[in-house]
Amino acid sequence: MPDTAATAEAAVALLAAPAGQGLGDTLRIVLLVSLVGGVLLAWFLLRGYRADETGGTDDTGGADGGADRNTERDANA
């Protein structure tokens, strides 16, 4: 039969050990999520400023590479 006293002492030692060292894991997760969110936000905001590299096949139909992109909006103002 196994030694139950040694098993009980090991269980008590494990239960008496601290569960963690505070908020270290939580703060790591928050920091990681914040960094990933910042990268995704920067990508989302900066993708609208990307130069048109298609050579004039934008939605205005002009062959000048989109130079008259705001003329319709300005005319409606």
Protein backbone atom coordinates (compact mmCIF):
# COMPACT_ATOMS: atom_id res chain seq x y z
CA MET A 1 0.00 0.00 0.00
CA PRO A 2 1.39 3.47 -0.83
CA ASP A 3 2.52 5.76 1.93
CA THR A 4 -0.49 8.03 2.51
CA ALA A 5 1.37 10.26 4.95
CA ALA A 6 3.88 11.28 2.28
CA THR A 7 1.07 11.86 -0.22
CA ALA A 8 -0.85 13.98 2.29
CA GLU A 9 2.25 16.02 3.10
CA ALA A 10 2.87 16.62 -0.60
CA ALA A 11 -0.74 17.71 -1.10
CA VAL A 12 -0.53 20.13 1.82
CA ALA A 13 2.73 21.57 0.45
CA LEU A 14 1.15 22.11 -2.96
CA LEU A 15 -1.93 23.76 -1.49
CA ALA A 16 0.18 26.03 0.71
CA ALA A 17 2.28 27.26 -2.23
CA PRO A 18 1.28 30.66 -3.60
CA ALA A 19 -0.97 30.51 -6.65
CA GLY A 20 0.89 33.23 -8.51
CA GLN A 21 2.95 36.34 -8.19
CA GLY A 22 0.23 38.93 -8.56
CA LEU A 23 -0.95 40.42 -11.82
CA GLY A 24 2.10 39.53 -13.92
CA ASP A 25 0.34 37.20 -16.35
CA THR A 26 -2.66 39.50 -16.71
CA LEU A 27 -0.48 42.51 -17.43
CA ARG A 28 1.49 40.55 -20.03
CA ILE A 29 -1.73 39.61 -21.80
CA VAL A 30 -3.02 43.20 -21.69
CA LEU A 31 0.29 44.48 -23.05
CA LEU A 32 0.34 41.93 -25.86
CA VAL A 33 -3.27 42.64 -26.86
CA SER A 34 -2.59 46.39 -26.79
CA LEU A 35 0.43 46.03 -29.05
CA VAL A 36 -1.42 43.84 -31.53
CA GLY A 37 -4.37 46.24 -31.48
CA GLY A 38 -2.07 49.19 -32.10
CA VAL A 39 -0.48 47.48 -35.08
CA LEU A 40 -3.88 46.61 -36.54
CA LEU A 41 -5.16 50.16 -35.97
CA ALA A 42 -2.09 51.64 -37.66
CA TRP A 43 -2.48 49.28 -40.60
CA PHE A 44 -6.18 50.15 -40.95
CA LEU A 45 -5.57 53.91 -40.80
CA LEU A 46 -2.51 53.94 -43.05
CA ARG A 47 -3.90 51.72 -45.79
CA GLY A 48 -6.13 54.58 -46.96
CA TYR A 49 -3.06 56.72 -47.67
CA ARG A 50 -1.45 54.14 -49.90
CA ALA A 51 -0.49 55.51 -53.34
CA ASP A 52 -2.42 54.24 -56.33
CA GLU A 53 -0.02 51.87 -58.09
CA THR A 54 -2.45 50.54 -60.70
CA GLY A 55 -1.69 53.19 -63.32
CA GLY A 56 -5.02 54.96 -63.61
CA THR A 57 -7.55 52.21 -63.14
CA ASP A 58 -9.21 53.80 -60.12
CA ASP A 59 -12.94 54.37 -59.69
CA THR A 60 -12.90 57.79 -61.43
CA GLY A 61 -12.10 56.26 -64.78
CA GLY A 62 -9.42 58.85 -65.53
CA ALA A 63 -6.12 57.98 -67.12
CA ASP A 64 -4.18 60.48 -65.02
CA GLY A 65 -3.70 58.14 -62.08
CA GLY A 66 -6.43 59.65 -59.94
CA ALA A 67 -5.40 63.32 -60.00
CA ASP A 68 -9.03 64.44 -60.41
CA ARG A 69 -10.26 62.22 -57.61
CA ASN A 70 -11.87 65.07 -55.60
CA THR A 71 -13.49 67.03 -58.43
CA GLU A 72 -16.88 65.35 -58.04
CA ARG A 73 -16.91 65.90 -54.29
CA ASP A 74 -15.83 69.53 -54.71
CA ALA A 75 -18.55 70.15 -57.28
CA ASN A 76 -21.23 68.85 -54.93
CA ALA A 77 -20.07 71.01 -52.00
